[in-house]
Amino acid sequence: MALIVVIETVSNLIRPGALAVRLAANIVAGHLLLSLLGGATSSIISAVIVILLLLVVLECAVACIQSYVFTILRTLYLNEFIHNKFNKRILYV
């Protein structure tokens, strides 16, 4: 039983860190792709500009999705924390 408590505690501590790493990786990947294509020299400038504009739109879409995921997961984590705190208070009273 004690092992399960340790495993659950570690998993609850790791989840926010994993969320932060995933969000940071998505942000860095998009900016890296934009900077790589922006620095590319090409004889067809208009094609590069169109590709960059499409990537900016994609970057904005990814940012919206990531903010939605972050908000939903944060809400779930906070609800779990509040309910666990509430349940502990009931047990001790």
N, C-alpha and C. Protein backbone atom coordinates (compact mmCIF):
# COMPACT_ATOMS: atom_id res chain seq x y z
N MET A 1 0.82 -1.19 0.00
CA MET A 1 0.00 0.00 0.00
C MET A 1 0.87 1.27 0.00
N ALA A 2 1.97 1.24 0.73
CA ALA A 2 2.85 2.41 0.80
C ALA A 2 3.48 2.70 -0.57
N LEU A 3 3.75 1.68 -1.33
CA LEU A 3 4.33 1.86 -2.66
C LEU A 3 3.36 2.59 -3.59
N ILE A 4 2.09 2.27 -3.48
CA ILE A 4 1.09 2.93 -4.32
C ILE A 4 1.00 4.42 -3.98
N VAL A 5 1.10 4.75 -2.70
CA VAL A 5 1.06 6.15 -2.28
C VAL A 5 2.25 6.90 -2.86
N VAL A 6 3.42 6.29 -2.83
CA VAL A 6 4.62 6.93 -3.38
C VAL A 6 4.47 7.12 -4.89
N ILE A 7 3.97 6.13 -5.58
CA ILE A 7 3.80 6.21 -7.03
C ILE A 7 2.79 7.29 -7.40
N GLU A 8 1.68 7.36 -6.69
CA GLU A 8 0.68 8.40 -6.96
C GLU A 8 1.22 9.79 -6.67
N THR A 9 1.99 9.93 -5.60
CA THR A 9 2.57 11.23 -5.26
C THR A 9 3.53 11.69 -6.33
N VAL A 10 4.39 10.80 -6.77
CA VAL A 10 5.36 11.14 -7.82
C VAL A 10 4.64 11.48 -9.12
N SER A 11 3.61 10.72 -9.47
CA SER A 11 2.89 11.02 -10.72
C SER A 11 2.18 12.37 -10.65
N ASN A 12 1.65 12.73 -9.49
CA ASN A 12 0.99 14.03 -9.34
C ASN A 12 2.00 15.17 -9.39
N LEU A 13 3.22 14.95 -8.95
CA LEU A 13 4.25 15.98 -9.01
C LEU A 13 4.83 16.13 -10.41
N ILE A 14 4.85 15.06 -11.18
CA ILE A 14 5.46 15.08 -12.51
C ILE A 14 4.52 15.66 -13.56
N ARG A 15 3.22 15.51 -13.40
CA ARG A 15 2.26 15.95 -14.42
C ARG A 15 2.39 17.43 -14.79
N PRO A 16 2.46 18.37 -13.85
CA PRO A 16 2.63 19.77 -14.27
C PRO A 16 3.95 20.03 -14.98
N GLY A 17 5.00 19.34 -14.58
CA GLY A 17 6.29 19.49 -15.25
C GLY A 17 6.24 18.98 -16.67
N ALA A 18 5.57 17.86 -16.88
CA ALA A 18 5.43 17.32 -18.24
C ALA A 18 4.61 18.25 -19.12
N LEU A 19 3.59 18.87 -18.54
CA LEU A 19 2.80 19.84 -19.28
C LEU A 19 3.66 21.03 -19.68
N ALA A 20 4.47 21.53 -18.78
CA ALA A 20 5.34 22.67 -19.07
C ALA A 20 6.35 22.34 -20.16
N VAL A 21 6.93 21.15 -20.11
CA VAL A 21 7.90 20.74 -21.14
C VAL A 21 7.23 20.64 -22.50
N ARG A 22 6.03 20.07 -22.54
CA ARG A 22 5.32 19.94 -23.82
C ARG A 22 4.98 21.30 -24.41
N LEU A 23 4.50 22.22 -23.58
CA LEU A 23 4.18 23.55 -24.08
C LEU A 23 5.43 24.27 -24.58
N ALA A 24 6.52 24.18 -23.83
CA ALA A 24 7.77 24.83 -24.25
C ALA A 24 8.29 24.23 -25.54
N ALA A 25 8.21 22.93 -25.70
CA ALA A 25 8.69 22.28 -26.93
C ALA A 25 7.89 22.73 -28.14
N ASN A 26 6.57 22.85 -27.99
CA ASN A 26 5.75 23.30 -29.12
C ASN A 26 6.05 24.74 -29.48
N ILE A 27 6.27 25.58 -28.49
CA ILE A 27 6.58 26.98 -28.77
C ILE A 27 7.94 27.10 -29.46
N VAL A 28 8.93 26.40 -28.96
CA VAL A 28 10.28 26.47 -29.54
C VAL A 28 10.29 25.88 -30.95
N ALA A 29 9.57 24.80 -31.17
CA ALA A 29 9.56 24.17 -32.49
C ALA A 29 8.98 25.11 -33.54
N GLY A 30 7.90 25.78 -33.21
CA GLY A 30 7.30 26.71 -34.17
C GLY A 30 8.21 27.88 -34.48
N HIS A 31 8.80 28.46 -33.45
CA HIS A 31 9.71 29.59 -33.67
C HIS A 31 10.96 29.17 -34.43
N LEU A 32 11.45 27.98 -34.15
CA LEU A 32 12.63 27.48 -34.86
C LEU A 32 12.33 27.29 -36.34
N LEU A 33 11.18 26.73 -36.65
CA LEU A 33 10.80 26.52 -38.04
C LEU A 33 10.64 27.86 -38.77
N LEU A 34 10.02 28.83 -38.11
CA LEU A 34 9.88 30.15 -38.73
C LEU A 34 11.23 30.81 -38.97
N SER A 35 12.13 30.72 -38.01
CA SER A 35 13.44 31.35 -38.18
C SER A 35 14.28 30.65 -39.24
N LEU A 36 14.17 29.34 -39.33
CA LEU A 36 14.93 28.62 -40.35
C LEU A 36 14.45 28.97 -41.75
N LEU A 37 13.14 29.01 -41.93
CA LEU A 37 12.63 29.35 -43.26
C LEU A 37 12.79 30.84 -43.56
N GLY A 38 12.75 31.67 -42.53
CA GLY A 38 12.94 33.10 -42.74
C GLY A 38 14.36 33.44 -43.13
N GLY A 39 15.31 32.67 -42.65
CA GLY A 39 16.71 32.92 -42.98
C GLY A 39 17.15 32.27 -44.27
N ALA A 40 16.30 31.46 -44.88
CA ALA A 40 16.66 30.78 -46.11
C ALA A 40 16.70 31.77 -47.27
N THR A 41 17.76 31.71 -48.03
CA THR A 41 17.84 32.57 -49.22
C THR A 41 17.39 31.75 -50.41
N SER A 42 16.52 32.34 -51.18
CA SER A 42 15.98 31.62 -52.33
C SER A 42 15.80 32.59 -53.48
N SER A 43 15.81 32.07 -54.67
CA SER A 43 15.58 32.93 -55.84
C SER A 43 14.10 33.23 -56.00
N ILE A 44 13.25 32.43 -55.36
CA ILE A 44 11.81 32.65 -55.46
C ILE A 44 11.35 33.23 -54.13
N ILE A 45 11.44 34.54 -54.00
CA ILE A 45 11.11 35.23 -52.75
C ILE A 45 9.62 35.14 -52.45
N SER A 46 8.77 35.23 -53.47
CA SER A 46 7.32 35.22 -53.23
C SER A 46 6.87 33.88 -52.66
N ALA A 47 7.47 32.78 -53.08
CA ALA A 47 7.11 31.47 -52.54
C ALA A 47 7.51 31.37 -51.07
N VAL A 48 8.67 31.92 -50.73
CA VAL A 48 9.12 31.89 -49.35
C VAL A 48 8.20 32.73 -48.47
N ILE A 49 7.76 33.88 -48.98
CA ILE A 49 6.86 34.74 -48.21
C ILE A 49 5.51 34.04 -47.99
N VAL A 50 5.00 33.39 -49.01
CA VAL A 50 3.72 32.66 -48.86
C VAL A 50 3.87 31.53 -47.85
N ILE A 51 4.96 30.80 -47.91
CA ILE A 51 5.20 29.71 -46.96
C ILE A 51 5.31 30.26 -45.55
N LEU A 52 6.01 31.37 -45.38
CA LEU A 52 6.14 31.98 -44.06
C LEU A 52 4.79 32.46 -43.52
N LEU A 53 3.96 33.03 -44.36
CA LEU A 53 2.64 33.47 -43.93
C LEU A 53 1.78 32.28 -43.51
N LEU A 54 1.86 31.19 -44.25
CA LEU A 54 1.12 29.98 -43.87
C LEU A 54 1.63 29.41 -42.54
N LEU A 55 2.94 29.49 -42.34
CA LEU A 55 3.50 29.01 -41.08
C LEU A 55 3.09 29.90 -39.90
N VAL A 56 2.96 31.19 -40.13
CA VAL A 56 2.49 32.09 -39.07
C VAL A 56 1.06 31.75 -38.70
N VAL A 57 0.23 31.47 -39.70
CA VAL A 57 -1.15 31.06 -39.42
C VAL A 57 -1.16 29.75 -38.65
N LEU A 58 -0.32 28.81 -39.06
CA LEU A 58 -0.22 27.53 -38.35
C LEU A 58 0.26 27.74 -36.92
N GLU A 59 1.21 28.63 -36.75
CA GLU A 59 1.74 28.93 -35.41
C GLU A 59 0.65 29.51 -34.51
N CYS A 60 -0.17 30.39 -35.06
CA CYS A 60 -1.28 30.96 -34.28
C CYS A 60 -2.30 29.89 -33.91
N ALA A 61 -2.58 28.99 -34.82
CA ALA A 61 -3.52 27.89 -34.53
C ALA A 61 -2.97 26.98 -33.44
N VAL A 62 -1.70 26.67 -33.52
CA VAL A 62 -1.07 25.83 -32.49
C VAL A 62 -1.09 26.54 -31.14
N ALA A 63 -0.85 27.84 -31.13
CA ALA A 63 -0.89 28.61 -29.88
C ALA A 63 -2.29 28.58 -29.27
N CYS A 64 -3.31 28.69 -30.09
CA CYS A 64 -4.69 28.62 -29.58
C CYS A 64 -4.99 27.24 -29.00
N ILE A 65 -4.58 26.21 -29.70
CA ILE A 65 -4.82 24.85 -29.21
C ILE A 65 -4.05 24.60 -27.92
N GLN A 66 -2.80 25.06 -27.86
CA GLN A 66 -2.00 24.86 -26.65
C GLN A 66 -2.58 25.62 -25.46
N SER A 67 -3.09 26.81 -25.70
CA SER A 67 -3.69 27.55 -24.58
C SER A 67 -4.95 26.85 -24.10
N TYR A 68 -5.73 26.28 -25.01
CA TYR A 68 -6.92 25.53 -24.63
C TYR A 68 -6.54 24.30 -23.80
N VAL A 69 -5.55 23.55 -24.28
CA VAL A 69 -5.10 22.35 -23.55
C VAL A 69 -4.55 22.74 -22.17
N PHE A 70 -3.76 23.79 -22.12
CA PHE A 70 -3.20 24.24 -20.86
C PHE A 70 -4.30 24.63 -19.88
N THR A 71 -5.31 25.34 -20.34
CA THR A 71 -6.40 25.77 -19.47
C THR A 71 -7.21 24.58 -18.97
N ILE A 72 -7.51 23.64 -19.84
CA ILE A 72 -8.28 22.47 -19.43
C ILE A 72 -7.50 21.63 -18.42
N LEU A 73 -6.22 21.37 -18.70
CA LEU A 73 -5.43 20.56 -17.77
C LEU A 73 -5.22 21.27 -16.44
N ARG A 74 -5.00 22.57 -16.48
CA ARG A 74 -4.84 23.33 -15.24
C ARG A 74 -6.11 23.26 -14.41
N THR A 75 -7.26 23.37 -15.06
CA THR A 75 -8.54 23.28 -14.36
C THR A 75 -8.72 21.90 -13.74
N LEU A 76 -8.38 20.87 -14.49
CA LEU A 76 -8.50 19.51 -13.94
C LEU A 76 -7.57 19.30 -12.75
N TYR A 77 -6.33 19.77 -12.86
CA TYR A 77 -5.38 19.60 -11.75
C TYR A 77 -5.84 20.37 -10.52
N LEU A 78 -6.33 21.60 -10.71
CA LEU A 78 -6.79 22.39 -9.57
C LEU A 78 -8.04 21.78 -8.93
N ASN A 79 -8.96 21.27 -9.76
CA ASN A 79 -10.15 20.61 -9.20
C ASN A 79 -9.77 19.38 -8.39
N GLU A 80 -8.81 18.62 -8.91
CA GLU A 80 -8.35 17.44 -8.17
C GLU A 80 -7.72 17.84 -6.85
N PHE A 81 -6.93 18.92 -6.87
CA PHE A 81 -6.28 19.39 -5.65
C PHE A 81 -7.31 19.88 -4.64
N ILE A 82 -8.30 20.63 -5.10
CA ILE A 82 -9.33 21.16 -4.20
C ILE A 82 -10.15 20.03 -3.61
N HIS A 83 -10.52 19.05 -4.42
CA HIS A 83 -11.33 17.95 -3.91
C HIS A 83 -10.54 17.08 -2.95
N ASN A 84 -9.27 16.87 -3.21
CA ASN A 84 -8.45 16.09 -2.27
C ASN A 84 -8.30 16.83 -0.95
N LYS A 85 -8.10 18.13 -1.02
CA LYS A 85 -7.98 18.94 0.20
C LYS A 85 -9.30 18.90 0.97
N PHE A 86 -10.43 19.00 0.25
CA PHE A 86 -11.74 18.98 0.88
C PHE A 86 -11.99 17.62 1.53
N ASN A 87 -11.62 16.55 0.84
CA ASN A 87 -11.82 15.20 1.38
C ASN A 87 -10.98 14.99 2.64
N LYS A 88 -9.76 15.50 2.66
CA LYS A 88 -8.92 15.34 3.85
C LYS A 88 -9.51 16.09 5.03
N ARG A 89 -10.08 17.26 4.79
CA ARG A 89 -10.68 18.04 5.86
C ARG A 89 -11.87 17.29 6.45
N ILE A 90 -12.65 16.62 5.60
CA ILE A 90 -13.82 15.87 6.10
C ILE A 90 -13.36 14.69 6.94
N LEU A 91 -12.29 14.02 6.51
CA LEU A 91 -11.82 12.85 7.26
C LEU A 91 -11.30 13.22 8.64
N TYR A 92 -10.67 14.39 8.78
CA TYR A 92 -10.10 14.76 10.07
C TYR A 92 -11.10 15.39 11.02
N VAL A 93 -12.23 15.82 10.52
CA VAL A 93 -13.22 16.47 11.40
C VAL A 93 -14.05 15.48 12.13
